Amino acid sequence: MARIANTAEYFDTLADRFLADQAKGVNATIQYTLSGDGGGEWTITIADGGFKGVQTGGVEKPTLNVMMDAAKFVEMANGDLDGRKAFLTRKLKVKGNIALAQKMQKFFPQG
């Protein structure tokens, strides 16, 4: 996977990064709430294992909300920051379906 420079590039190229064979059976709305420079809110929809798109902004009841600093998110997306380590050190916070958060690394791989 190609490295990304910022959050906008990540979400713009997310469809290309998505591994549908790893998301079989997944139906979810995943919201990213990223703070700091380059931050914002993005929502991804996955239906029956297929990537349905990214929208700017949040939703009322996402299946999962991923919250972190935008710069740390870029590090994590590039594989420079391990997601589990980020979670354990509270750089990454998740609200909602924790099992989905763990599975996401398979269909949205780092680096």
Protein backbone atom coordinates (compact mmCIF):
# COMPACT_ATOMS: atom_id res chain seq x y z
CA MET A 1 0.00 0.00 0.00
CA ALA A 2 1.13 3.50 -0.71
CA ARG A 3 1.84 5.81 2.19
CA ILE A 4 -0.55 8.68 2.78
CA ALA A 5 0.32 12.27 3.62
CA ASN A 6 -2.86 13.28 5.47
CA THR A 7 -6.34 12.25 6.53
CA ALA A 8 -8.02 13.61 3.39
CA GLU A 9 -5.79 11.43 1.22
CA TYR A 10 -6.56 8.40 3.40
CA PHE A 11 -10.32 8.76 3.02
CA ASP A 12 -10.05 9.65 -0.68
CA THR A 13 -8.14 6.41 -1.36
CA LEU A 14 -9.97 4.16 1.09
CA ALA A 15 -11.97 2.32 -1.57
CA ASP A 16 -8.66 1.24 -3.16
CA ARG A 17 -7.34 0.02 0.19
CA PHE A 18 -10.46 -1.99 1.09
CA LEU A 19 -10.08 -5.79 1.02
CA ALA A 20 -13.61 -7.10 0.40
CA ASP A 21 -12.65 -10.74 0.89
CA GLN A 22 -11.68 -9.91 4.49
CA ALA A 23 -15.00 -8.14 5.20
CA LYS A 24 -17.45 -10.92 4.34
CA GLY A 25 -20.56 -10.68 6.51
CA VAL A 26 -19.69 -7.22 7.85
CA ASN A 27 -22.51 -4.68 8.03
CA ALA A 28 -21.34 -1.54 9.77
CA THR A 29 -21.21 2.21 9.90
CA ILE A 30 -17.77 3.31 11.07
CA GLN A 31 -17.29 6.90 12.14
CA TYR A 32 -13.86 8.49 12.46
CA THR A 33 -13.66 11.48 14.79
CA LEU A 34 -10.18 12.92 14.35
CA SER A 35 -8.94 15.94 16.28
CA GLY A 36 -6.16 18.44 15.67
CA ASP A 37 -4.68 19.70 12.44
CA GLY A 38 -6.22 17.81 9.51
CA GLY A 39 -8.99 16.45 11.69
CA GLY A 40 -12.71 16.17 11.09
CA GLU A 41 -15.39 13.52 10.93
CA TRP A 42 -15.80 10.87 8.26
CA THR A 43 -18.25 7.97 8.10
CA ILE A 44 -17.72 4.75 6.17
CA THR A 45 -20.50 2.34 5.30
CA ILE A 46 -19.92 -1.37 4.73
CA ALA A 47 -22.89 -3.50 3.72
CA ASP A 48 -22.72 -7.27 3.31
CA GLY A 49 -18.95 -7.09 3.10
CA GLY A 50 -18.95 -4.44 0.37
CA PHE A 51 -17.53 -0.94 0.61
CA LYS A 52 -20.42 1.46 0.08
CA GLY A 53 -18.54 4.70 0.44
CA VAL A 54 -17.21 7.51 2.62
CA GLN A 55 -19.12 10.60 3.61
CA THR A 56 -17.89 13.68 5.40
CA GLY A 57 -19.50 14.15 8.80
CA GLY A 58 -20.82 11.88 11.49
CA VAL A 59 -23.98 9.88 12.02
CA GLU A 60 -26.22 9.56 15.04
CA LYS A 61 -25.53 5.92 15.99
CA PRO A 62 -22.45 4.46 14.29
CA THR A 63 -21.61 0.80 14.83
CA LEU A 64 -18.13 1.98 15.81
CA ASN A 65 -16.58 5.38 16.49
CA VAL A 66 -12.79 5.63 16.13
CA MET A 67 -11.41 8.68 17.94
CA MET A 68 -7.85 9.97 17.87
CA ASP A 69 -5.52 12.80 16.89
CA ALA A 70 -5.34 13.20 13.10
CA ALA A 71 -1.52 13.14 13.01
CA LYS A 72 -1.44 9.90 15.05
CA PHE A 73 -4.11 8.46 12.75
CA VAL A 74 -1.89 9.12 9.71
CA GLU A 75 0.99 7.38 11.54
CA MET A 76 -1.28 4.40 12.26
CA ALA A 77 -2.61 4.26 8.68
CA ASN A 78 0.98 4.21 7.37
CA GLY A 79 1.97 1.40 9.74
CA ASP A 80 4.27 3.61 11.83
CA LEU A 81 2.02 3.29 14.90
CA ASP A 82 0.55 -0.08 15.90
CA GLY A 83 -3.22 0.14 16.46
CA ARG A 84 -3.15 -2.10 19.55
CA LYS A 85 -0.36 -0.05 21.10
CA ALA A 86 -2.22 3.18 20.28
CA PHE A 87 -5.32 1.78 22.00
CA LEU A 88 -3.41 0.63 25.08
CA THR A 89 -1.68 4.00 25.43
CA ARG A 90 -5.01 5.82 24.93
CA LYS A 91 -3.90 7.52 21.72
CA LEU A 92 -6.76 5.63 20.07
CA LYS A 93 -10.20 5.43 21.62
CA VAL A 94 -13.08 3.39 20.29
CA LYS A 95 -16.74 3.45 21.19
CA GLY A 96 -19.12 0.74 20.07
CA ASN A 97 -18.36 -2.69 18.62
CA ILE A 98 -14.84 -3.49 19.89
CA ALA A 99 -14.72 -6.77 17.92
CA LEU A 100 -15.27 -4.79 14.73
CA ALA A 101 -12.40 -2.47 15.69
CA GLN A 102 -10.10 -5.49 15.95
CA LYS A 103 -11.32 -6.93 12.64
CA MET A 104 -10.92 -3.64 10.73
CA GLN A 105 -7.17 -4.11 10.40
CA LYS A 106 -7.88 -7.07 8.12
CA PHE A 107 -10.05 -5.17 5.62
CA PHE A 108 -8.35 -1.77 6.01
CA PRO A 109 -4.70 -2.83 6.31
CA GLN A 110 -2.00 -0.49 7.60
CA GLY A 111 0.84 0.72 5.44
